[in-house]
Amino acid sequence: MRIATRSVSRAAASSMAVAALALVGFQAAQPASAATKTAPSVTTCTTANTKLTVTEVSRPINHLLLKATNTGTKPCYAYSSPYLRAGADAQAPLAWAEETTPQAVVTLEPGQSAYAGITTSTPDGEGGGTEKTLGVIFADRTGTATGEEKTLKLPNGGVFFNSAAVVTYWQDNAADALSW
């Protein structure tokens, strides 16, 4: 019985190994420890390291603008969309407007802000009522609620919400948060 063997020169084998490592993202020129030392420390934005405000906007109608400003000393990531609870008795958070997903996670340097637009009601929505508070919880990188809830008072003594209420993903400017 004849056994077929494949021979490869050492140079060719070495080239193939380098190409394979390049495919999986290995960078021989920069060890992981060097990258870690130069990378800035970034945390997840939470109610503990941000100041939250909610305001009514004139356009579009039936909208609020949620603003989160980084009050910490390190940059923070505003992942996904905030979990919002309209009213103290809300059973579930507002739906996220999936079509507003940004191309990248919003990173807030100290003092910078992120924005989320809130549609409170539409004619297509059902039921509803006037709510006086808005509970806000941030999401972590997996989309899971993280940190403690911050309760904000809604403008004008209360805002009408119905079943069509949704919130955008965090945006790096107010215009994008309100343009959808």
N, C-alpha and C. Protein backbone atom coordinates (compact mmCIF):
# COMPACT_ATOMS: atom_id res chain seq x y z
N MET A 1 0.84 -1.15 0.00
CA MET A 1 0.00 0.00 0.00
C MET A 1 0.90 1.23 0.00
N ARG A 2 0.59 2.15 -0.82
CA ARG A 2 1.38 3.36 -0.96
C ARG A 2 0.73 4.49 -0.19
N ILE A 3 1.49 5.19 0.63
CA ILE A 3 0.98 6.31 1.41
C ILE A 3 1.46 7.59 0.76
N ALA A 4 0.51 8.45 0.46
CA ALA A 4 0.86 9.72 -0.17
C ALA A 4 1.24 10.71 0.92
N THR A 5 2.30 11.39 0.70
CA THR A 5 2.73 12.41 1.66
C THR A 5 2.80 13.75 0.96
N ARG A 6 2.59 14.79 1.71
CA ARG A 6 2.65 16.14 1.18
C ARG A 6 3.81 16.83 1.88
N SER A 7 4.70 17.35 1.11
CA SER A 7 5.81 18.05 1.74
C SER A 7 5.71 19.53 1.43
N VAL A 8 6.01 20.32 2.44
CA VAL A 8 5.97 21.77 2.32
C VAL A 8 7.27 22.30 2.89
N SER A 9 7.85 23.24 2.20
CA SER A 9 9.09 23.80 2.71
C SER A 9 8.83 24.59 3.99
N ARG A 10 9.87 24.75 4.80
CA ARG A 10 9.73 25.52 6.03
C ARG A 10 9.31 26.95 5.76
N ALA A 11 9.83 27.55 4.73
CA ALA A 11 9.48 28.94 4.38
C ALA A 11 8.01 29.04 4.03
N ALA A 12 7.52 28.09 3.25
CA ALA A 12 6.11 28.10 2.86
C ALA A 12 5.22 27.87 4.08
N ALA A 13 5.60 26.95 4.96
CA ALA A 13 4.82 26.68 6.17
C ALA A 13 4.79 27.91 7.07
N SER A 14 5.92 28.57 7.19
CA SER A 14 5.98 29.79 8.02
C SER A 14 5.08 30.87 7.45
N SER A 15 5.08 31.04 6.14
CA SER A 15 4.22 32.04 5.49
C SER A 15 2.76 31.73 5.71
N MET A 16 2.41 30.43 5.63
CA MET A 16 1.02 30.05 5.86
C MET A 16 0.60 30.31 7.31
N ALA A 17 1.48 30.06 8.25
CA ALA A 17 1.16 30.30 9.66
C ALA A 17 0.94 31.79 9.91
N VAL A 18 1.79 32.65 9.34
CA VAL A 18 1.63 34.10 9.50
C VAL A 18 0.31 34.55 8.88
N ALA A 19 -0.03 34.03 7.70
CA ALA A 19 -1.28 34.40 7.05
C ALA A 19 -2.48 33.95 7.88
N ALA A 20 -2.40 32.75 8.46
CA ALA A 20 -3.51 32.26 9.29
C ALA A 20 -3.68 33.12 10.53
N LEU A 21 -2.58 33.51 11.15
CA LEU A 21 -2.68 34.37 12.33
C LEU A 21 -3.23 35.75 11.97
N ALA A 22 -2.87 36.25 10.79
CA ALA A 22 -3.38 37.55 10.36
C ALA A 22 -4.89 37.49 10.16
N LEU A 23 -5.40 36.33 9.70
CA LEU A 23 -6.85 36.18 9.49
C LEU A 23 -7.63 36.26 10.79
N VAL A 24 -7.04 35.81 11.89
CA VAL A 24 -7.75 35.84 13.16
C VAL A 24 -7.44 37.09 13.97
N GLY A 25 -6.75 38.04 13.38
CA GLY A 25 -6.54 39.32 14.04
C GLY A 25 -5.32 39.41 14.93
N PHE A 26 -4.41 38.45 14.85
CA PHE A 26 -3.19 38.50 15.67
C PHE A 26 -2.24 39.53 15.09
N GLN A 27 -1.72 40.36 15.94
CA GLN A 27 -0.75 41.35 15.50
C GLN A 27 0.55 41.11 16.25
N ALA A 28 1.52 40.53 15.55
CA ALA A 28 2.78 40.21 16.18
C ALA A 28 3.54 41.45 16.61
N ALA A 29 3.34 42.56 15.92
CA ALA A 29 4.11 43.77 16.22
C ALA A 29 3.67 44.43 17.52
N GLN A 30 2.46 44.18 18.00
CA GLN A 30 1.97 44.85 19.19
C GLN A 30 1.36 43.83 20.15
N PRO A 31 2.05 43.52 21.24
CA PRO A 31 1.47 42.58 22.20
C PRO A 31 0.23 43.18 22.85
N ALA A 32 -0.66 42.31 23.29
CA ALA A 32 -1.92 42.75 23.89
C ALA A 32 -1.69 43.64 25.09
N SER A 33 -0.66 43.38 25.86
CA SER A 33 -0.41 44.19 27.05
C SER A 33 -0.07 45.63 26.69
N ALA A 34 0.60 45.85 25.56
CA ALA A 34 0.94 47.21 25.14
C ALA A 34 -0.33 47.96 24.73
N ALA A 35 -1.24 47.27 24.06
CA ALA A 35 -2.50 47.91 23.65
C ALA A 35 -3.32 48.28 24.88
N THR A 36 -3.32 47.44 25.89
CA THR A 36 -4.09 47.70 27.09
C THR A 36 -3.56 48.91 27.85
N LYS A 37 -2.26 49.07 27.88
CA LYS A 37 -1.67 50.18 28.63
C LYS A 37 -1.97 51.53 28.01
N THR A 38 -2.08 51.59 26.67
CA THR A 38 -2.30 52.87 26.01
C THR A 38 -3.78 53.19 25.81
N ALA A 39 -4.65 52.18 25.90
CA ALA A 39 -6.07 52.41 25.69
C ALA A 39 -6.66 53.14 26.90
N PRO A 40 -7.49 54.17 26.65
CA PRO A 40 -8.10 54.88 27.78
C PRO A 40 -9.14 53.98 28.47
N SER A 41 -9.30 54.17 29.75
CA SER A 41 -10.28 53.42 30.52
C SER A 41 -11.66 53.98 30.23
N VAL A 42 -12.55 53.13 29.73
CA VAL A 42 -13.91 53.55 29.40
C VAL A 42 -14.87 52.68 30.19
N THR A 43 -15.90 53.29 30.76
CA THR A 43 -16.89 52.57 31.54
C THR A 43 -18.24 52.61 30.82
N THR A 44 -19.21 51.94 31.38
CA THR A 44 -20.58 52.01 30.87
C THR A 44 -21.27 53.21 31.51
N CYS A 45 -21.99 53.98 30.72
CA CYS A 45 -22.77 55.09 31.28
C CYS A 45 -23.88 54.51 32.17
N THR A 46 -24.05 55.10 33.34
CA THR A 46 -25.11 54.70 34.26
C THR A 46 -25.70 55.97 34.87
N THR A 47 -26.72 55.80 35.68
CA THR A 47 -27.29 56.96 36.36
C THR A 47 -26.33 57.53 37.40
N ALA A 48 -25.31 56.75 37.79
CA ALA A 48 -24.34 57.22 38.77
C ALA A 48 -23.29 58.15 38.17
N ASN A 49 -23.01 58.01 36.86
CA ASN A 49 -21.97 58.84 36.26
C ASN A 49 -22.49 59.79 35.18
N THR A 50 -23.81 60.00 35.15
CA THR A 50 -24.40 60.95 34.20
C THR A 50 -25.46 61.81 34.88
N LYS A 51 -25.71 62.95 34.28
CA LYS A 51 -26.83 63.80 34.68
C LYS A 51 -27.89 63.64 33.61
N LEU A 52 -29.11 63.35 34.01
CA LEU A 52 -30.20 63.13 33.08
C LEU A 52 -31.21 64.27 33.15
N THR A 53 -31.67 64.71 31.98
CA THR A 53 -32.75 65.70 31.90
C THR A 53 -33.72 65.28 30.80
N VAL A 54 -34.97 65.64 30.97
CA VAL A 54 -35.97 65.38 29.94
C VAL A 54 -36.71 66.69 29.68
N THR A 55 -36.85 67.02 28.39
CA THR A 55 -37.52 68.27 28.01
C THR A 55 -38.53 67.99 26.91
N GLU A 56 -39.54 68.83 26.88
CA GLU A 56 -40.52 68.76 25.81
C GLU A 56 -39.99 69.58 24.65
N VAL A 57 -40.20 69.11 23.43
CA VAL A 57 -39.76 69.84 22.24
C VAL A 57 -40.97 70.30 21.45
N SER A 58 -40.82 71.40 20.72
CA SER A 58 -41.96 71.90 19.95
C SER A 58 -42.19 71.09 18.68
N ARG A 59 -41.13 70.57 18.11
CA ARG A 59 -41.23 69.75 16.90
C ARG A 59 -40.26 68.60 17.01
N PRO A 60 -40.68 67.44 16.63
CA PRO A 60 -42.01 67.03 16.24
C PRO A 60 -42.96 66.98 17.44
N ILE A 61 -44.23 67.04 17.15
CA ILE A 61 -45.21 67.04 18.24
C ILE A 61 -45.19 65.69 18.95
N ASN A 62 -45.66 65.68 20.17
CA ASN A 62 -45.72 64.47 21.00
C ASN A 62 -44.36 63.81 21.19
N HIS A 63 -43.33 64.66 21.33
CA HIS A 63 -41.98 64.15 21.54
C HIS A 63 -41.33 64.80 22.75
N LEU A 64 -40.46 64.02 23.38
CA LEU A 64 -39.60 64.51 24.45
C LEU A 64 -38.16 64.23 24.05
N LEU A 65 -37.24 64.98 24.64
CA LEU A 65 -35.82 64.75 24.41
C LEU A 65 -35.16 64.40 25.74
N LEU A 66 -34.54 63.23 25.78
CA LEU A 66 -33.81 62.79 26.96
C LEU A 66 -32.33 63.07 26.71
N LYS A 67 -31.70 63.74 27.65
CA LYS A 67 -30.28 64.10 27.52
C LYS A 67 -29.50 63.50 28.68
N ALA A 68 -28.39 62.82 28.36
CA ALA A 68 -27.51 62.24 29.38
C ALA A 68 -26.14 62.87 29.22
N THR A 69 -25.66 63.55 30.27
CA THR A 69 -24.36 64.21 30.23
C THR A 69 -23.41 63.49 31.17
N ASN A 70 -22.23 63.13 30.66
CA ASN A 70 -21.23 62.42 31.45
C ASN A 70 -20.67 63.35 32.52
N THR A 71 -20.91 63.03 33.78
CA THR A 71 -20.40 63.82 34.90
C THR A 71 -19.19 63.16 35.54
N GLY A 72 -18.76 62.02 35.01
CA GLY A 72 -17.62 61.30 35.56
C GLY A 72 -16.29 61.87 35.09
N THR A 73 -15.23 61.20 35.47
CA THR A 73 -13.88 61.63 35.09
C THR A 73 -13.31 60.79 33.96
N LYS A 74 -14.03 59.73 33.55
CA LYS A 74 -13.60 58.86 32.45
C LYS A 74 -14.66 58.88 31.36
N PRO A 75 -14.27 58.55 30.13
CA PRO A 75 -15.28 58.39 29.08
C PRO A 75 -16.23 57.25 29.45
N CYS A 76 -17.47 57.32 28.95
CA CYS A 76 -18.41 56.22 29.16
C CYS A 76 -19.15 55.92 27.86
N TYR A 77 -19.57 54.67 27.73
CA TYR A 77 -20.34 54.23 26.57
C TYR A 77 -21.83 54.28 26.88
N ALA A 78 -22.59 54.93 26.00
CA ALA A 78 -24.06 54.92 26.09
C ALA A 78 -24.53 53.83 25.13
N TYR A 79 -24.72 52.63 25.66
CA TYR A 79 -25.09 51.48 24.84
C TYR A 79 -26.57 51.50 24.51
N SER A 80 -26.89 50.98 23.35
CA SER A 80 -28.26 50.72 22.91
C SER A 80 -29.19 51.90 23.12
N SER A 81 -30.22 51.64 23.88
CA SER A 81 -31.27 52.62 24.17
C SER A 81 -31.55 52.56 25.66
N PRO A 82 -32.02 53.66 26.23
CA PRO A 82 -32.34 53.58 27.65
C PRO A 82 -33.63 52.79 27.87
N TYR A 83 -33.71 52.15 29.02
CA TYR A 83 -34.97 51.54 29.45
C TYR A 83 -35.76 52.65 30.12
N LEU A 84 -36.96 52.91 29.62
CA LEU A 84 -37.79 53.99 30.15
C LEU A 84 -39.09 53.44 30.70
N ARG A 85 -39.47 53.96 31.85
CA ARG A 85 -40.73 53.59 32.49
C ARG A 85 -41.56 54.86 32.62
N ALA A 86 -42.61 54.96 31.83
CA ALA A 86 -43.48 56.13 31.85
C ALA A 86 -44.51 55.97 32.96
N GLY A 87 -44.29 56.67 34.07
CA GLY A 87 -45.19 56.57 35.20
C GLY A 87 -44.74 55.54 36.20
N ALA A 88 -45.08 55.77 37.44
CA ALA A 88 -44.66 54.89 38.53
C ALA A 88 -45.27 53.50 38.45
N ASP A 89 -46.41 53.36 37.79
CA ASP A 89 -47.11 52.08 37.72
C ASP A 89 -46.86 51.32 36.42
N ALA A 90 -45.93 51.77 35.60
CA ALA A 90 -45.69 51.12 34.30
C ALA A 90 -45.27 49.67 34.50
N GLN A 91 -45.85 48.80 33.71
CA GLN A 91 -45.58 47.36 33.81
C GLN A 91 -44.38 46.93 32.96
N ALA A 92 -44.06 47.71 31.92
CA ALA A 92 -42.98 47.34 31.00
C ALA A 92 -42.32 48.62 30.47
N PRO A 93 -41.06 48.50 30.05
CA PRO A 93 -40.39 49.68 29.49
C PRO A 93 -40.93 50.02 28.11
N LEU A 94 -40.71 51.26 27.69
CA LEU A 94 -41.11 51.66 26.34
C LEU A 94 -40.32 50.84 25.33
N ALA A 95 -40.94 50.62 24.18
CA ALA A 95 -40.27 49.89 23.10
C ALA A 95 -39.12 50.73 22.54
N TRP A 96 -38.11 50.04 22.01
CA TRP A 96 -36.98 50.71 21.37
C TRP A 96 -37.27 50.82 19.88
N ALA A 97 -36.98 51.98 19.28
CA ALA A 97 -37.14 52.18 17.84
C ALA A 97 -35.91 51.60 17.14
N GLU A 98 -36.00 50.35 16.73
CA GLU A 98 -34.85 49.63 16.17
C GLU A 98 -34.25 50.33 14.95
N GLU A 99 -35.07 51.05 14.19
CA GLU A 99 -34.55 51.71 12.99
C GLU A 99 -33.61 52.87 13.31
N THR A 100 -33.45 53.20 14.58
CA THR A 100 -32.58 54.32 14.97
C THR A 100 -31.21 53.85 15.48
N THR A 101 -30.90 52.57 15.30
CA THR A 101 -29.62 52.03 15.77
C THR A 101 -28.48 52.78 15.10
N PRO A 102 -27.58 53.41 15.88
CA PRO A 102 -26.46 54.12 15.26
C PRO A 102 -25.42 53.13 14.75
N GLN A 103 -24.49 53.61 13.93
CA GLN A 103 -23.46 52.74 13.38
C GLN A 103 -22.43 52.34 14.42
N ALA A 104 -22.30 53.12 15.47
CA ALA A 104 -21.33 52.82 16.52
C ALA A 104 -21.91 53.20 17.87
N VAL A 105 -21.36 52.62 18.92
CA VAL A 105 -21.78 52.96 20.27
C VAL A 105 -21.40 54.42 20.53
N VAL A 106 -22.28 55.16 21.16
CA VAL A 106 -22.00 56.57 21.48
C VAL A 106 -21.06 56.61 22.69
N THR A 107 -19.91 57.26 22.50
CA THR A 107 -18.92 57.41 23.56
C THR A 107 -18.97 58.84 24.06
N LEU A 108 -19.13 58.99 25.37
CA LEU A 108 -19.20 60.32 25.98
C LEU A 108 -17.94 60.61 26.77
N GLU A 109 -17.21 61.61 26.33
CA GLU A 109 -16.09 62.10 27.11
C GLU A 109 -16.69 62.87 28.30
N PRO A 110 -15.93 63.09 29.36
CA PRO A 110 -16.47 63.89 30.48
C PRO A 110 -17.02 65.23 29.97
N GLY A 111 -18.25 65.54 30.36
CA GLY A 111 -18.90 66.78 29.94
C GLY A 111 -19.71 66.68 28.66
N GLN A 112 -19.54 65.62 27.87
CA GLN A 112 -20.30 65.45 26.64
C GLN A 112 -21.64 64.78 26.91
N SER A 113 -22.58 64.94 25.94
CA SER A 113 -23.94 64.43 26.12
C SER A 113 -24.35 63.49 24.99
N ALA A 114 -25.28 62.60 25.32
CA ALA A 114 -25.96 61.73 24.36
C ALA A 114 -27.45 62.05 24.47
N TYR A 115 -28.19 61.75 23.41
CA TYR A 115 -29.60 62.12 23.33
C TYR A 115 -30.45 60.95 22.86
N ALA A 116 -31.64 60.84 23.40
CA ALA A 116 -32.62 59.86 22.94
C ALA A 116 -33.95 60.58 22.75
N GLY A 117 -34.57 60.36 21.61
CA GLY A 117 -35.89 60.94 21.32
C GLY A 117 -36.98 60.01 21.81
N ILE A 118 -38.02 60.58 22.38
CA ILE A 118 -39.12 59.78 22.90
C ILE A 118 -40.41 60.22 22.22
N THR A 119 -41.05 59.31 21.50
CA THR A 119 -42.39 59.56 20.97
C THR A 119 -43.35 59.13 22.06
N THR A 120 -44.15 60.07 22.54
CA THR A 120 -45.03 59.76 23.67
C THR A 120 -46.35 59.13 23.25
N SER A 121 -46.84 59.53 22.08
CA SER A 121 -48.12 58.99 21.61
C SER A 121 -48.27 59.29 20.13
N THR A 122 -49.13 58.50 19.48
CA THR A 122 -49.52 58.75 18.09
C THR A 122 -51.01 58.46 17.98
N PRO A 123 -51.66 58.93 16.93
CA PRO A 123 -53.08 58.63 16.76
C PRO A 123 -53.37 57.13 16.62
N ASP A 124 -52.36 56.36 16.18
CA ASP A 124 -52.54 54.91 16.03
C ASP A 124 -52.48 54.17 17.36
N GLY A 125 -51.95 54.82 18.39
CA GLY A 125 -51.80 54.17 19.68
C GLY A 125 -53.14 53.97 20.38
N GLU A 126 -53.14 53.05 21.31
CA GLU A 126 -54.36 52.76 22.05
C GLU A 126 -54.20 53.15 23.50
N GLY A 127 -55.33 53.41 24.14
CA GLY A 127 -55.34 53.69 25.58
C GLY A 127 -54.47 54.86 25.95
N GLY A 128 -53.88 54.75 27.10
CA GLY A 128 -52.94 55.78 27.53
C GLY A 128 -53.44 56.61 28.68
N GLY A 129 -52.54 57.49 29.13
CA GLY A 129 -52.87 58.37 30.23
C GLY A 129 -51.74 59.36 30.45
N THR A 130 -52.00 60.35 31.27
CA THR A 130 -51.00 61.36 31.58
C THR A 130 -50.13 60.85 32.72
N GLU A 131 -48.82 60.85 32.47
CA GLU A 131 -47.86 60.37 33.46
C GLU A 131 -47.03 61.55 33.96
N LYS A 132 -46.66 61.51 35.22
CA LYS A 132 -45.92 62.61 35.84
C LYS A 132 -44.42 62.36 35.94
N THR A 133 -44.01 61.08 35.85
CA THR A 133 -42.59 60.74 36.00
C THR A 133 -42.10 59.83 34.87
N LEU A 134 -40.78 59.84 34.70
CA LEU A 134 -40.13 58.98 33.72
C LEU A 134 -38.95 58.30 34.42
N GLY A 135 -39.00 56.97 34.53
CA GLY A 135 -37.91 56.20 35.11
C GLY A 135 -36.90 55.87 34.01
N VAL A 136 -35.60 56.06 34.28
CA VAL A 136 -34.56 55.83 33.29
C VAL A 136 -33.51 54.86 33.86
N ILE A 137 -33.20 53.83 33.09
CA ILE A 137 -32.12 52.90 33.41
C ILE A 137 -31.29 52.72 32.15
N PHE A 138 -29.97 52.72 32.28
CA PHE A 138 -29.09 52.50 31.14
C PHE A 138 -28.95 51.02 30.84
N ALA A 139 -28.50 50.71 29.62
CA ALA A 139 -28.22 49.34 29.22
C ALA A 139 -26.71 49.13 29.17
N ASP A 140 -26.29 47.89 29.41
CA ASP A 140 -24.87 47.57 29.26
C ASP A 140 -24.63 47.10 27.83
N ARG A 141 -23.43 46.63 27.54
CA ARG A 141 -23.11 46.28 26.15
C ARG A 141 -23.88 45.08 25.63
N THR A 142 -24.48 44.28 26.51
CA THR A 142 -25.30 43.16 26.06
C THR A 142 -26.77 43.55 25.94
N GLY A 143 -27.10 44.81 26.26
CA GLY A 143 -28.49 45.26 26.20
C GLY A 143 -29.27 45.02 27.47
N THR A 144 -28.59 44.57 28.52
CA THR A 144 -29.23 44.30 29.80
C THR A 144 -29.26 45.57 30.65
N ALA A 145 -30.34 45.79 31.35
CA ALA A 145 -30.45 46.96 32.23
C ALA A 145 -29.34 46.91 33.27
N THR A 146 -28.73 48.07 33.53
CA THR A 146 -27.62 48.13 34.47
C THR A 146 -27.72 49.37 35.35
N GLY A 147 -27.32 49.23 36.58
CA GLY A 147 -27.34 50.37 37.50
C GLY A 147 -28.74 50.60 38.07
N GLU A 148 -28.84 51.68 38.81
CA GLU A 148 -30.12 52.02 39.44
C GLU A 148 -30.96 52.93 38.56
N GLU A 149 -32.25 52.87 38.77
CA GLU A 149 -33.17 53.73 38.03
C GLU A 149 -33.11 55.15 38.58
N LYS A 150 -33.18 56.10 37.68
CA LYS A 150 -33.28 57.52 38.04
C LYS A 150 -34.67 57.96 37.61
N THR A 151 -35.41 58.57 38.53
CA THR A 151 -36.76 59.03 38.21
C THR A 151 -36.73 60.54 37.95
N LEU A 152 -37.22 60.93 36.78
CA LEU A 152 -37.27 62.34 36.39
C LEU A 152 -38.72 62.82 36.39
N LYS A 153 -38.92 64.07 36.75
CA LYS A 153 -40.26 64.66 36.63
C LYS A 153 -40.47 65.09 35.20
N LEU A 154 -41.64 64.77 34.66
CA LEU A 154 -41.96 65.16 33.29
C LEU A 154 -42.41 66.62 33.24
N PRO A 155 -42.15 67.30 32.12
CA PRO A 155 -42.51 68.72 32.01
C PRO A 155 -44.02 68.96 32.08
N ASN A 156 -44.39 70.17 32.40
CA ASN A 156 -45.79 70.63 32.43
C ASN A 156 -46.67 69.82 33.37
N GLY A 157 -46.10 69.24 34.39
CA GLY A 157 -46.89 68.49 35.36
C GLY A 157 -47.35 67.14 34.87
N GLY A 158 -46.96 66.75 33.67
CA GLY A 158 -47.32 65.43 33.14
C GLY A 158 -47.41 65.44 31.63
N VAL A 159 -47.22 64.27 31.03
CA VAL A 159 -47.24 64.09 29.58
C VAL A 159 -48.09 62.87 29.26
N PHE A 160 -48.87 62.96 28.17
CA PHE A 160 -49.73 61.85 27.74
C PHE A 160 -48.90 60.81 26.99
N PHE A 161 -49.01 59.55 27.41
CA PHE A 161 -48.37 58.41 26.75
C PHE A 161 -49.46 57.43 26.35
N ASN A 162 -49.31 56.81 25.16
CA ASN A 162 -50.20 55.71 24.82
C ASN A 162 -49.37 54.52 24.33
N SER A 163 -50.02 53.49 23.80
CA SER A 163 -49.34 52.25 23.45
C SER A 163 -48.32 52.41 22.32
N ALA A 164 -48.34 53.51 21.60
CA ALA A 164 -47.40 53.74 20.50
C ALA A 164 -46.09 54.38 20.97
N ALA A 165 -45.94 54.62 22.26
CA ALA A 165 -44.73 55.29 22.78
C ALA A 165 -43.49 54.43 22.52
N VAL A 166 -42.44 55.09 22.01
CA VAL A 166 -41.16 54.44 21.74
C VAL A 166 -40.02 55.40 22.06
N VAL A 167 -38.81 54.83 22.19
CA VAL A 167 -37.62 55.64 22.44
C VAL A 167 -36.55 55.23 21.43
N THR A 168 -35.76 56.22 20.98
CA THR A 168 -34.66 55.93 20.06
C THR A 168 -33.47 55.35 20.81
N TYR A 169 -32.54 54.84 20.04
CA TYR A 169 -31.23 54.50 20.59
C TYR A 169 -30.53 55.81 20.92
N TRP A 170 -29.50 55.74 21.77
CA TRP A 170 -28.72 56.93 22.09
C TRP A 170 -28.06 57.46 20.82
N GLN A 171 -28.11 58.77 20.64
CA GLN A 171 -27.49 59.45 19.50
C GLN A 171 -26.49 60.47 20.02
N ASP A 172 -25.56 60.89 19.18
CA ASP A 172 -24.56 61.86 19.64
C ASP A 172 -25.00 63.31 19.46
N ASN A 173 -26.22 63.51 18.92
CA ASN A 173 -26.75 64.88 18.81
C ASN A 173 -28.27 64.86 18.86
N ALA A 174 -28.83 65.97 19.30
CA ALA A 174 -30.28 66.06 19.50
C ALA A 174 -31.05 65.97 18.19
N ALA A 175 -30.51 66.55 17.12
CA ALA A 175 -31.22 66.53 15.83
C ALA A 175 -31.46 65.10 15.34
N ASP A 176 -30.45 64.25 15.45
CA ASP A 176 -30.63 62.85 15.03
C ASP A 176 -31.63 62.13 15.93
N ALA A 177 -31.62 62.42 17.21
CA ALA A 177 -32.55 61.77 18.14
C ALA A 177 -33.99 62.14 17.83
N LEU A 178 -34.22 63.32 17.26
CA LEU A 178 -35.58 63.78 17.00
C LEU A 178 -35.98 63.65 15.53
N SER A 179 -35.09 63.21 14.65
CA SER A 179 -35.38 63.22 13.21
C SER A 179 -36.09 61.98 12.70
N TRP A 180 -36.25 60.98 13.48
CA TRP A 180 -36.85 59.75 12.98
C TRP A 180 -38.34 59.84 13.06
